[in-house]
């Protein structure tokens, strides 16, 4: 288990009330809140948006993360990183820190190849040369594959719950954490059951509702106080 609980906020603007403009504004406020509270990673996970709208939102989100970082620290290792769900092209275009891949997505090696090809373009000059790559995994075997493929970290889900899938449980999470890669637990995570995930070997916690529905600074403090 990591000496520092890694925290990963997955966004879902559709969970906010109001019209699209209100939801977008509320989401950017949450991203700002997460960045200032010290969340390690944020995944822009707005999979329903058309490419142009997603790129526009991603660019605004990146601006929010950068602005928060300037207030906090210039040490990139301690700054919040923004990852774009599945879209390497948009991540490069908005100078994001990396991408998050589905379990059936392209490989981390392919992402790095595309990332390096775009490294000298004007839009990519401020992005890290080596992208952060998260991978969604649903079995210990998939976590091992992600590690072998060079992913930065794996997100193992659903540990406790998901509408259309059976929970994997803590035993499977523990087995997944034997892989040579940080593993973050996702799926029905609460402040009450998060400790059991960390005790099983998880390097951190990933969540949507836990961050979006609560005061993020309070959540971060409570999660990290367990270590």
Protein backbone atom coordinates (compact mmCIF):
# COMPACT_ATOMS: atom_id res chain seq x y z
CA UNK A 1 0.00 0.00 0.00
CA UNK A 2 1.23 3.46 -0.89
CA UNK A 3 2.34 5.74 1.93
CA UNK A 4 0.06 8.38 0.40
CA UNK A 5 -3.52 7.58 -0.53
CA UNK A 6 -3.94 8.42 -4.22
CA UNK A 7 -7.26 10.05 -5.03
CA UNK A 8 -9.02 10.05 -8.41
CA UNK A 9 -12.15 12.08 -9.17
CA UNK A 10 -14.17 10.86 -12.16
CA UNK A 11 -16.48 13.56 -13.46
CA UNK A 12 -20.16 13.24 -14.40
CA UNK A 13 -21.79 16.56 -15.22
CA UNK A 14 -25.12 14.80 -15.99
CA UNK A 15 -25.55 14.18 -12.24
CA UNK A 16 -25.93 17.92 -11.64
CA UNK A 17 -29.36 19.56 -11.93
CA UNK A 18 -30.26 22.23 -14.45
CA UNK A 19 -29.59 22.83 -18.13
CA UNK A 20 -26.36 22.03 -19.95
CA UNK A 21 -24.83 25.42 -19.21
CA UNK A 22 -25.53 25.06 -15.47
CA UNK A 23 -24.15 21.53 -15.38
CA UNK A 24 -21.00 22.56 -17.18
CA UNK A 25 -20.45 25.49 -14.82
CA UNK A 26 -21.04 23.27 -11.78
CA UNK A 27 -18.61 20.67 -13.10
CA UNK A 28 -15.84 23.23 -13.56
CA UNK A 29 -16.46 24.42 -10.01
CA UNK A 30 -16.02 20.85 -8.77
CA UNK A 31 -12.82 20.45 -10.78
CA UNK A 32 -11.48 23.64 -9.19
CA UNK A 33 -12.50 22.36 -5.76
CA UNK A 34 -10.79 19.01 -6.36
CA UNK A 35 -7.59 20.63 -7.62
CA UNK A 36 -7.33 22.94 -4.64
CA UNK A 37 -8.08 20.11 -2.21
CA UNK A 38 -5.14 18.04 -3.45
CA UNK A 39 -6.87 15.30 -5.45
CA UNK A 40 -4.14 13.57 -7.47
CA UNK A 41 -6.02 12.84 -10.69
CA UNK A 42 -9.20 14.05 -12.35
CA UNK A 43 -10.71 12.13 -15.25
CA UNK A 44 -12.89 14.16 -17.59
CA UNK A 45 -15.40 11.38 -18.25
CA UNK A 46 -18.11 13.14 -20.25
CA UNK A 47 -18.51 10.35 -22.78
CA UNK A 48 -21.79 11.61 -24.24
CA UNK A 49 -20.38 14.89 -25.56
CA UNK A 50 -19.61 15.43 -29.26
CA UNK A 51 -15.93 15.90 -30.04
CA UNK A 52 -16.07 19.68 -30.38
CA UNK A 53 -17.98 20.14 -27.11
CA UNK A 54 -15.70 17.72 -25.27
CA UNK A 55 -12.60 19.53 -26.49
CA UNK A 56 -14.03 22.88 -25.42
CA UNK A 57 -14.89 21.56 -21.96
CA UNK A 58 -11.51 19.85 -21.65
CA UNK A 59 -9.73 23.09 -22.52
CA UNK A 60 -11.67 24.96 -19.84
CA UNK A 61 -11.00 22.20 -17.32
CA UNK A 62 -7.28 22.30 -18.08
CA UNK A 63 -7.32 26.05 -17.49
CA UNK A 64 -8.96 25.53 -14.10
CA UNK A 65 -6.41 22.89 -13.10
CA UNK A 66 -3.48 25.07 -14.16
CA UNK A 67 -4.86 28.08 -12.32
CA UNK A 68 -5.26 26.04 -9.13
CA UNK A 69 -1.74 24.64 -9.52
CA UNK A 70 -0.23 28.12 -9.70
CA UNK A 71 -1.87 28.96 -6.40
CA UNK A 72 -0.65 25.76 -4.80
CA UNK A 73 2.73 24.54 -6.06
CA UNK A 74 5.02 24.48 -9.05
CA UNK A 75 6.05 20.90 -8.22
CA UNK A 76 4.32 18.83 -10.90
CA UNK A 77 4.44 15.72 -8.72
CA UNK A 78 2.15 17.42 -6.20
CA UNK A 79 -0.21 19.02 -8.70
CA UNK A 80 -3.54 17.64 -9.80
CA UNK A 81 -3.33 15.91 -13.19
CA UNK A 82 -6.16 16.01 -15.73
CA UNK A 83 -6.79 12.88 -17.80
CA UNK A 84 -9.24 12.66 -20.69
CA UNK A 85 -11.38 9.57 -21.02
CA UNK A 86 -10.23 7.50 -24.02
CA UNK A 87 -9.50 10.48 -26.32
CA UNK A 88 -5.76 10.78 -26.81
CA UNK A 89 -6.31 13.30 -29.60
CA UNK A 90 -8.22 15.68 -27.34
CA UNK A 91 -5.74 15.17 -24.50
CA UNK A 92 -2.92 16.28 -26.79
CA UNK A 93 -4.93 19.18 -28.22
CA UNK A 94 -5.73 20.69 -24.80
CA UNK A 95 -2.30 19.89 -23.29
CA UNK A 96 -3.76 17.51 -20.70
CA UNK A 97 -1.58 15.28 -18.52
CA UNK A 98 -2.76 12.00 -19.97
CA UNK A 99 -5.65 9.70 -20.78
CA UNK A 100 -7.79 7.08 -19.13
CA UNK A 101 -8.38 3.93 -21.19
CA UNK A 102 -11.24 1.44 -21.14
CA UNK A 103 -10.36 -2.21 -20.58
CA UNK A 104 -11.02 -2.83 -24.31
CA UNK A 105 -9.37 0.37 -25.52
CA UNK A 106 -6.13 0.93 -27.40
CA UNK A 107 -2.97 -0.08 -25.55
CA UNK A 108 -0.83 2.25 -23.43
CA UNK A 109 1.98 1.68 -25.95
CA UNK A 110 -0.21 3.02 -28.75
CA UNK A 111 -1.06 6.08 -26.66
CA UNK A 112 2.61 6.79 -26.05
CA UNK A 113 3.41 6.43 -29.74
CA UNK A 114 0.72 8.94 -30.70
CA UNK A 115 1.76 11.22 -27.82
CA UNK A 116 5.37 11.28 -28.96
CA UNK A 117 4.33 11.95 -32.56
CA UNK A 118 2.50 15.03 -31.36
CA UNK A 119 5.21 16.16 -28.97
CA UNK A 120 6.58 18.84 -31.29
CA UNK A 121 3.27 20.37 -32.31
CA UNK A 122 2.41 23.82 -30.86
CA UNK A 123 -0.61 22.41 -29.02
CA UNK A 124 1.52 19.82 -27.27
CA UNK A 125 4.45 21.92 -26.11
CA UNK A 126 3.20 22.28 -22.54
CA UNK A 127 2.07 18.66 -22.12
CA UNK A 128 4.37 16.16 -20.40
CA UNK A 129 6.41 14.14 -22.87
CA UNK A 130 5.42 10.93 -21.07
CA UNK A 131 1.64 10.85 -20.54
CA UNK A 132 -0.09 9.53 -17.46
CA UNK A 133 -2.19 6.53 -18.46
CA UNK A 134 -4.91 5.03 -16.30
CA UNK A 135 -6.65 1.80 -17.34
CA UNK A 136 -10.03 0.45 -16.22
CA UNK A 137 -9.76 -3.16 -15.08
CA UNK A 138 -12.36 -5.67 -13.93
CA UNK A 139 -10.24 -8.67 -12.95
CA UNK A 140 -6.79 -9.31 -11.49
CA UNK A 141 -5.70 -10.60 -14.90
CA UNK A 142 -6.60 -7.32 -16.58
CA UNK A 143 -4.59 -5.41 -13.97
CA UNK A 144 -1.56 -7.58 -14.73
CA UNK A 145 -2.02 -6.91 -18.45
CA UNK A 146 -2.25 -3.17 -17.81
CA UNK A 147 0.95 -3.29 -15.78
CA UNK A 148 2.77 -5.27 -18.48
CA UNK A 149 1.55 -2.81 -21.13
CA UNK A 150 3.08 0.13 -19.29
CA UNK A 151 0.05 1.81 -17.75
CA UNK A 152 0.71 4.35 -15.00
CA UNK A 153 -2.00 2.94 -12.76
CA UNK A 154 -5.07 0.71 -12.87
CA UNK A 155 -8.59 1.39 -11.64
CA UNK A 156 -10.20 -1.82 -10.38
CA UNK A 157 -13.99 -1.93 -10.43
CA UNK A 158 -16.64 -2.41 -9.30
CA UNK A 159 -15.44 -3.34 -5.83
CA UNK A 160 -18.77 -2.87 -4.05
CA UNK A 161 -21.50 -1.92 -6.50
CA UNK A 162 -22.50 -0.99 -10.03
CA UNK A 163 -25.93 -0.90 -11.63
CA UNK A 164 -25.18 -3.32 -14.47
CA UNK A 165 -22.40 -5.47 -12.99
CA UNK A 166 -21.79 -7.72 -9.99
CA UNK A 167 -19.27 -6.44 -7.43
CA UNK A 168 -15.82 -7.99 -7.58
CA UNK A 169 -15.32 -7.84 -3.82
CA UNK A 170 -12.33 -7.23 -1.61
CA UNK A 171 -10.65 -10.60 -2.25
CA UNK A 172 -10.40 -9.90 -5.98
CA UNK A 173 -9.16 -6.39 -5.20
CA UNK A 174 -6.46 -7.85 -2.97
CA UNK A 175 -5.39 -10.23 -5.75
CA UNK A 176 -5.35 -7.37 -8.25
CA UNK A 177 -3.07 -5.36 -5.96
CA UNK A 178 -0.36 -8.03 -6.30
CA UNK A 179 0.42 -6.61 -9.75
CA UNK A 180 3.40 -4.31 -10.17
CA UNK A 181 1.31 -1.18 -10.60
CA UNK A 182 -0.68 1.17 -8.33
CA UNK A 183 -4.30 -0.02 -8.13
CA UNK A 184 -7.15 2.34 -7.23
CA UNK A 185 -10.47 0.96 -5.99
CA UNK A 186 -13.71 2.12 -7.66
CA UNK A 187 -17.37 1.24 -7.28
CA UNK A 188 -19.57 2.05 -4.32
CA UNK A 189 -16.70 3.55 -2.35
CA UNK A 190 -17.72 5.50 0.76
CA UNK A 191 -15.84 7.04 3.64
CA UNK A 192 -16.96 4.04 5.70
CA UNK A 193 -15.65 1.28 3.40
CA UNK A 194 -12.63 3.04 1.88
CA UNK A 195 -10.34 1.81 4.65
CA UNK A 196 -11.11 -1.83 3.77
CA UNK A 197 -9.93 -1.15 0.20
CA UNK A 198 -6.68 0.37 1.43
CA UNK A 199 -6.21 -2.54 3.83
CA UNK A 200 -6.62 -4.91 0.87
CA UNK A 201 -3.63 -3.25 -0.77
CA UNK A 202 -5.18 -0.52 -2.90
CA UNK A 203 -2.96 2.51 -3.48
CA UNK A 204 -5.93 4.80 -3.48
CA UNK A 205 -9.58 5.51 -4.11
CA UNK A 206 -11.42 6.49 -7.29
CA UNK A 207 -14.98 7.78 -7.22
CA UNK A 208 -17.65 9.91 -8.81
CA UNK A 209 -20.32 10.47 -6.16
CA UNK A 210 -17.95 10.49 -3.20
CA UNK A 211 -16.34 13.64 -4.61
CA UNK A 212 -19.22 15.23 -6.50
CA UNK A 213 -21.82 14.92 -3.74
CA UNK A 214 -19.66 16.08 -0.84
CA UNK A 215 -17.22 18.78 0.17
CA UNK A 216 -14.06 17.53 -1.51
CA UNK A 217 -11.60 19.05 0.98
CA UNK A 218 -13.37 17.18 3.79
CA UNK A 219 -13.36 13.92 1.83
CA UNK A 220 -9.65 14.25 1.04
CA UNK A 221 -8.79 14.95 4.67
CA UNK A 222 -10.78 11.98 5.94
CA UNK A 223 -9.46 9.52 3.36
CA UNK A 224 -5.84 10.47 3.94
CA UNK A 225 -6.22 10.49 7.72
CA UNK A 226 -6.66 6.70 7.53
CA UNK A 227 -2.97 6.26 6.59
